[in-house]
Amino acid sequence: MTEKHIGFIGLGNMGGRMTRCITGAGIDVLGYDAKAENIELAGARAATNSAQLTEQSDIVLLSLPDSRVVEAVVLGDDGVLAHARPGQVVVDLSTAAPESTRRISALLAEKGASYLDAGISGGAAAAEKGALTLMVGGEQSALETARPVLERFASNIFYVGDSGAGHTTKLLNNFLNAVSLAATAEVMVAGKKAGLDLAVLLDVFNASSGVNFATVNRFPKIIHGDYLKGGLTNTLMMKDVVLYTELVSTLGVASLNASGPLASFGLAKALGYADEISNTVVDAIGDVSGGVRLHEAVGS
């Protein structure tokens, strides 16, 4: 494990937490981020740029907003691809388009390097505890090379298939997450307006057929004003839903349930919650439902 030199590009909300899990175990990490303070907060050493980081790392981890940024970092002039070498493993922990992923994988393979698309799930809370779930596509042998590093921040690692399979699985998972979050937000606003005890309402859902990740893990906190900040924003959630619709379109699958989350997270973006955690979609729905909040404001 310690013989491998680790580099991490993108140390924001999720990348920074994952990096801290690695550095917290006493493992040296070379980091690069557009915001220098993120590197220090993650406990990493600062690389001058992605080129230097790639040259000095055996395993390069990426946590970036979308395929456009991933392609800029990997395929851009003096980027990761330009400095890749045989035996190197690049792990993309972003949520990206599978088609882009497969293209990057093929280009890195020409340099003798391996590219893993490793979708993550669990949010900021799981990242803090090193308990994320990973769904990994690419060469299985490359996964085994990277596994000791990935296990520092993931408690569940699933190998799901060839290149692109990890990001495909992530998009399917994220769509279900988006549907359940948006639908539960709407129902909770309705429950509030109906005068129900929201804690009891959640207990009912969680003992009944309406149970889902949002009812179990999100709304017990949200009803007390804790939005679990630090996770996926409304903008990124909207991006993931759009990527899902593009994916199922290429597969020839009818997307009959996308309109709900598209409308919900689109509303949140339009009402000023674009860069807030996606849990604030409940406030956006509350805004257009008479100014409803699930919790009492501090000091009220």
Protein backbone atom coordinates (compact mmCIF):
# COMPACT_ATOMS: atom_id res chain seq x y z
CA MET A 1 0.00 0.00 0.00
CA THR A 2 2.63 2.53 1.09
CA GLU A 3 4.77 1.64 -1.91
CA LYS A 4 2.21 3.18 -4.25
CA HIS A 5 2.37 6.93 -4.74
CA ILE A 6 -1.12 8.42 -4.55
CA GLY A 7 -2.33 11.54 -6.32
CA PHE A 8 -5.77 13.12 -5.99
CA ILE A 9 -7.20 15.77 -8.35
CA GLY A 10 -10.30 17.60 -7.16
CA LEU A 11 -10.45 18.04 -3.39
CA GLY A 12 -13.84 19.70 -3.02
CA ASN A 13 -16.85 18.53 -0.99
CA MET A 14 -16.41 14.84 -1.74
CA GLY A 15 -12.83 14.64 -2.97
CA GLY A 16 -11.56 16.44 0.11
CA ARG A 17 -13.38 14.06 2.43
CA MET A 18 -12.09 11.01 0.57
CA THR A 19 -8.57 12.38 0.65
CA ARG A 20 -8.80 13.00 4.40
CA CYS A 21 -9.68 9.35 4.88
CA ILE A 22 -6.45 8.43 3.12
CA THR A 23 -4.19 10.99 4.77
CA GLY A 24 -5.84 10.30 8.12
CA ALA A 25 -4.46 6.77 7.87
CA GLY A 26 -0.95 8.20 7.64
CA ILE A 27 -0.69 7.77 3.85
CA ASP A 28 0.97 10.50 1.83
CA VAL A 29 -1.21 12.04 -0.90
CA LEU A 30 -0.16 14.52 -3.56
CA GLY A 31 -3.15 16.78 -4.22
CA TYR A 32 -4.24 19.32 -6.80
CA ASP A 33 -7.29 21.55 -6.70
CA ALA A 34 -8.29 24.91 -8.13
CA LYS A 35 -8.60 26.14 -4.53
CA ALA A 36 -5.28 25.77 -2.74
CA GLU A 37 -6.93 25.81 0.69
CA ASN A 38 -8.76 22.57 -0.14
CA ILE A 39 -5.43 20.76 -0.48
CA GLU A 40 -4.30 21.86 2.97
CA LEU A 41 -7.67 21.02 4.55
CA ALA A 42 -7.42 17.50 3.12
CA GLY A 43 -3.98 16.99 4.62
CA ALA A 44 -2.34 16.51 1.22
CA ARG A 45 0.89 17.84 -0.24
CA ALA A 46 0.31 20.37 -3.02
CA ALA A 47 1.18 19.55 -6.61
CA THR A 48 1.98 22.42 -8.96
CA ASN A 49 -0.46 21.10 -11.57
CA SER A 50 -2.10 17.92 -12.80
CA ALA A 51 0.92 17.15 -14.99
CA GLN A 52 3.31 17.05 -12.04
CA LEU A 53 0.81 15.06 -10.01
CA THR A 54 0.43 12.46 -12.77
CA GLU A 55 4.17 12.12 -13.24
CA GLN A 56 4.70 11.48 -9.52
CA SER A 57 1.74 9.18 -8.85
CA ASP A 58 1.16 5.47 -9.45
CA ILE A 59 -2.56 5.81 -8.73
CA VAL A 60 -4.35 9.00 -9.78
CA LEU A 61 -7.80 9.65 -8.28
CA LEU A 62 -10.23 12.16 -9.81
CA SER A 63 -13.27 13.75 -8.15
CA LEU A 64 -14.62 16.34 -10.58
CA PRO A 65 -18.03 17.90 -11.34
CA ASP A 66 -18.83 16.36 -14.73
CA SER A 67 -17.50 14.84 -17.96
CA ARG A 68 -16.60 18.24 -19.39
CA VAL A 69 -14.20 18.92 -16.51
CA VAL A 70 -12.91 15.34 -16.48
CA GLU A 71 -12.09 15.59 -20.19
CA ALA A 72 -10.35 18.94 -19.67
CA VAL A 73 -8.19 17.53 -16.87
CA VAL A 74 -7.39 14.21 -18.55
CA LEU A 75 -7.33 15.08 -22.25
CA GLY A 76 -6.32 18.73 -22.13
CA ASP A 77 -2.89 20.02 -23.08
CA ASP A 78 -0.35 18.83 -20.50
CA GLY A 79 -3.10 16.83 -18.77
CA VAL A 80 -3.21 13.37 -17.26
CA LEU A 81 -3.17 11.53 -20.61
CA ALA A 82 -0.10 13.39 -21.80
CA HIS A 83 1.86 12.17 -18.77
CA ALA A 84 0.33 8.72 -18.29
CA ARG A 85 2.62 5.71 -18.31
CA PRO A 86 2.38 1.91 -18.45
CA GLY A 87 1.04 0.31 -15.28
CA GLN A 88 -0.50 3.51 -13.95
CA VAL A 89 -4.11 3.40 -12.71
CA VAL A 90 -6.44 6.40 -13.04
CA VAL A 91 -9.66 6.19 -11.00
CA ASP A 92 -12.50 8.53 -11.91
CA LEU A 93 -14.76 9.00 -8.88
CA SER A 94 -16.89 11.60 -10.65
CA THR A 95 -20.40 11.15 -12.05
CA ALA A 96 -19.77 11.18 -15.78
CA ALA A 97 -21.25 10.14 -19.10
CA PRO A 98 -20.40 6.48 -19.84
CA GLU A 99 -19.61 7.26 -23.49
CA SER A 100 -16.99 9.81 -22.43
CA THR A 101 -15.62 7.33 -19.90
CA ARG A 102 -15.12 4.62 -22.52
CA ARG A 103 -13.35 7.07 -24.83
CA ILE A 104 -10.92 8.17 -22.11
CA SER A 105 -10.30 4.55 -21.12
CA ALA A 106 -9.35 3.62 -24.69
CA LEU A 107 -6.95 6.55 -24.97
CA LEU A 108 -5.23 5.75 -21.68
CA ALA A 109 -4.98 2.08 -22.69
CA GLU A 110 -2.92 3.19 -25.68
CA LYS A 111 -0.40 4.58 -23.16
CA GLY A 112 -0.45 1.34 -21.16
CA ALA A 113 -2.43 2.90 -18.31
CA SER A 114 -5.74 1.69 -16.87
CA TYR A 115 -8.88 3.78 -16.29
CA LEU A 116 -11.49 2.83 -13.73
CA ASP A 117 -14.88 4.53 -13.58
CA ALA A 118 -15.84 4.33 -9.93
CA GLY A 119 -19.21 5.82 -9.16
CA ILE A 120 -19.68 6.69 -5.49
CA SER A 121 -22.76 6.68 -3.28
CA GLY A 122 -23.40 7.57 0.33
CA GLY A 123 -22.94 11.32 0.36
CA ALA A 124 -20.83 13.51 2.60
CA ALA A 125 -21.71 11.64 5.79
CA ALA A 126 -20.44 8.32 4.44
CA ALA A 127 -17.37 10.00 2.96
CA GLU A 128 -16.51 11.45 6.38
CA LYS A 129 -16.65 7.98 7.92
CA GLY A 130 -14.89 6.19 5.05
CA ALA A 131 -18.08 4.23 4.40
CA LEU A 132 -18.90 5.05 0.79
CA THR A 133 -20.20 2.52 -1.72
CA LEU A 134 -18.26 2.24 -4.99
CA MET A 135 -19.51 0.76 -8.27
CA VAL A 136 -16.46 0.16 -10.45
CA GLY A 137 -16.08 -0.45 -14.18
CA GLY A 138 -12.90 -1.23 -16.12
CA GLU A 139 -10.17 -3.83 -15.83
CA GLN A 140 -10.68 -5.98 -12.75
CA SER A 141 -6.90 -6.33 -12.30
CA ALA A 142 -6.62 -2.53 -12.13
CA LEU A 143 -9.30 -2.50 -9.44
CA GLU A 144 -7.24 -4.93 -7.37
CA THR A 145 -4.25 -2.60 -7.72
CA ALA A 146 -6.27 0.37 -6.54
CA ARG A 147 -8.39 -1.48 -3.95
CA PRO A 148 -6.13 -0.80 -0.92
CA VAL A 149 -6.50 2.93 -1.56
CA LEU A 150 -10.23 2.78 -2.29
CA GLU A 151 -10.86 0.81 0.89
CA ARG A 152 -9.69 3.80 2.90
CA PHE A 153 -12.91 5.64 2.03
CA ALA A 154 -15.28 2.89 0.84
CA SER A 155 -16.77 0.05 2.87
CA ASN A 156 -18.53 -1.51 -0.15
CA ILE A 157 -16.76 -1.95 -3.49
CA PHE A 158 -18.65 -3.62 -6.32
CA TYR A 159 -17.04 -4.61 -9.61
CA VAL A 160 -19.85 -4.10 -12.13
CA GLY A 161 -18.23 -4.75 -15.52
CA ASP A 162 -16.21 -3.27 -18.34
CA SER A 163 -15.35 0.39 -18.86
CA GLY A 164 -18.41 2.60 -18.51
CA ALA A 165 -20.33 0.12 -16.36
CA GLY A 166 -19.45 1.94 -13.16
CA HIS A 167 -20.73 5.28 -14.38
CA THR A 168 -23.80 3.62 -15.91
CA THR A 169 -24.62 2.00 -12.56
CA LYS A 170 -24.07 5.33 -10.81
CA LEU A 171 -26.53 7.12 -13.09
CA LEU A 172 -29.18 4.46 -12.49
CA ASN A 173 -28.64 4.72 -8.73
CA ASN A 174 -28.64 8.51 -8.74
CA PHE A 175 -31.89 8.62 -10.68
CA LEU A 176 -33.60 6.50 -8.04
CA ASN A 177 -32.10 8.78 -5.40
CA ALA A 178 -33.44 11.85 -7.22
CA VAL A 179 -36.93 10.37 -7.58
CA SER A 180 -37.18 9.38 -3.93
CA LEU A 181 -35.80 12.69 -2.67
CA ALA A 182 -38.06 14.84 -4.85
CA ALA A 183 -41.16 12.75 -4.14
CA THR A 184 -40.51 12.59 -0.40
CA ALA A 185 -39.95 16.35 -0.28
CA GLU A 186 -43.34 16.93 -1.90
CA VAL A 187 -45.06 14.51 0.46
CA MET A 188 -43.44 16.08 3.52
CA VAL A 189 -44.61 19.55 2.50
CA ALA A 190 -48.11 18.10 2.09
CA GLY A 191 -47.85 16.50 5.52
CA LYS A 192 -46.82 19.81 7.06
CA LYS A 193 -49.73 21.67 5.45
CA ALA A 194 -52.10 18.92 6.62
CA GLY A 195 -51.02 19.55 10.20
CA LEU A 196 -49.44 16.14 10.74
CA ASP A 197 -46.64 15.40 13.19
CA LEU A 198 -43.74 14.99 10.78
CA ALA A 199 -41.68 12.73 13.04
CA VAL A 200 -44.61 10.35 13.40
CA LEU A 201 -45.28 10.60 9.66
CA LEU A 202 -41.70 9.46 8.95
CA ASP A 203 -42.08 6.61 11.45
CA VAL A 204 -45.14 5.49 9.51
CA PHE A 205 -43.32 5.65 6.17
CA ASN A 206 -40.33 3.79 7.53
CA ALA A 207 -42.55 0.97 8.80
CA SER A 208 -44.58 0.91 5.58
CA SER A 209 -44.26 0.61 1.82
CA GLY A 210 -43.26 4.27 1.36
CA VAL A 211 -39.87 3.72 2.97
CA ASN A 212 -36.83 4.92 0.98
CA PHE A 213 -33.36 6.39 1.51
CA ALA A 214 -34.76 9.91 1.95
CA THR A 215 -37.29 8.89 4.62
CA VAL A 216 -34.67 6.90 6.54
CA ASN A 217 -31.56 9.05 6.21
CA ARG A 218 -32.49 12.56 5.13
CA PHE A 219 -35.79 13.81 6.46
CA PRO A 220 -35.36 12.77 10.13
CA LYS A 221 -32.63 15.45 10.12
CA ILE A 222 -34.31 17.94 7.77
CA ILE A 223 -37.44 18.28 9.91
CA HIS A 224 -35.17 19.64 12.65
CA GLY A 225 -33.40 22.07 10.31
CA ASP A 226 -30.30 19.97 9.59
CA TYR A 227 -29.99 19.75 5.81
CA LEU A 228 -26.82 17.61 5.98
CA LYS A 229 -24.85 20.18 4.05
CA GLY A 230 -21.80 19.14 2.08
CA GLY A 231 -23.39 16.70 -0.34
CA LEU A 232 -24.70 16.85 -3.90
CA THR A 233 -26.09 20.25 -4.89
CA ASN A 234 -29.33 20.85 -6.76
CA THR A 235 -27.29 21.75 -9.85
CA LEU A 236 -25.36 18.48 -9.73
CA MET A 237 -28.52 16.47 -9.03
CA MET A 238 -30.16 18.06 -12.07
CA LYS A 239 -27.06 17.23 -14.13
CA ASP A 240 -27.23 13.59 -13.06
CA VAL A 241 -30.93 13.30 -13.96
CA VAL A 242 -30.24 14.78 -17.40
CA LEU A 243 -27.37 12.31 -17.90
CA TYR A 244 -29.75 9.52 -16.93
CA THR A 245 -32.30 10.60 -19.55
CA GLU A 246 -29.56 10.71 -22.18
CA LEU A 247 -28.40 7.22 -21.16
CA VAL A 248 -31.82 5.57 -21.31
CA SER A 249 -32.50 7.31 -24.62
CA THR A 250 -29.42 5.63 -26.14
CA LEU A 251 -30.62 2.32 -24.67
CA GLY A 252 -34.08 2.73 -26.17
CA VAL A 253 -35.78 2.71 -22.76
CA ALA A 254 -38.83 4.89 -22.17
CA SER A 255 -38.16 7.42 -19.40
CA LEU A 256 -41.62 7.85 -17.90
CA ASN A 257 -40.54 8.99 -14.43
CA ALA A 258 -37.95 11.65 -15.20
CA SER A 259 -40.37 14.58 -15.31
CA GLY A 260 -40.81 14.69 -11.52
CA PRO A 261 -37.16 15.15 -10.50
CA LEU A 262 -36.46 17.34 -13.53
CA ALA A 263 -39.27 19.67 -12.45
CA SER A 264 -38.33 19.55 -8.77
CA PHE A 265 -34.61 20.21 -9.05
CA GLY A 266 -35.19 22.62 -11.93
CA LEU A 267 -37.49 24.56 -9.60
CA ALA A 268 -34.84 24.55 -6.88
CA LYS A 269 -32.27 25.96 -9.30
CA ALA A 270 -34.68 28.63 -10.53
CA LEU A 271 -35.53 29.75 -6.99
CA GLY A 272 -31.94 30.31 -5.93
CA TYR A 273 -30.99 26.96 -4.42
CA ALA A 274 -28.67 25.93 -7.29
CA ASP A 275 -25.53 25.62 -5.18
CA GLU A 276 -27.26 24.41 -2.02
CA ILE A 277 -27.42 20.74 -1.06
CA SER A 278 -30.13 18.91 -3.00
CA ASN A 279 -32.07 18.32 0.23
CA THR A 280 -33.15 21.96 -0.02
CA VAL A 281 -35.47 20.91 -2.85
CA VAL A 282 -38.03 20.60 -0.05
CA ASP A 283 -37.73 24.35 0.59
CA ALA A 284 -38.20 25.11 -3.12
CA ILE A 285 -41.38 23.04 -3.14
CA GLY A 286 -42.38 24.74 0.11
CA ASP A 287 -41.81 28.17 -1.43
CA VAL A 288 -44.38 27.56 -4.16
CA SER A 289 -46.75 25.87 -1.72
CA GLY A 290 -47.36 28.89 0.49
CA GLY A 291 -43.95 29.45 2.04
CA VAL A 292 -43.85 26.15 3.94
CA ARG A 293 -40.87 25.04 6.03
CA LEU A 294 -40.75 21.68 7.76
CA HIS A 295 -39.00 23.11 10.79
CA GLU A 296 -39.23 26.23 12.92
CA ALA A 297 -36.67 28.93 12.26
CA VAL A 298 -33.99 29.40 14.92
CA GLY A 299 -35.18 31.86 17.55
CA SER A 300 -38.84 31.64 16.57
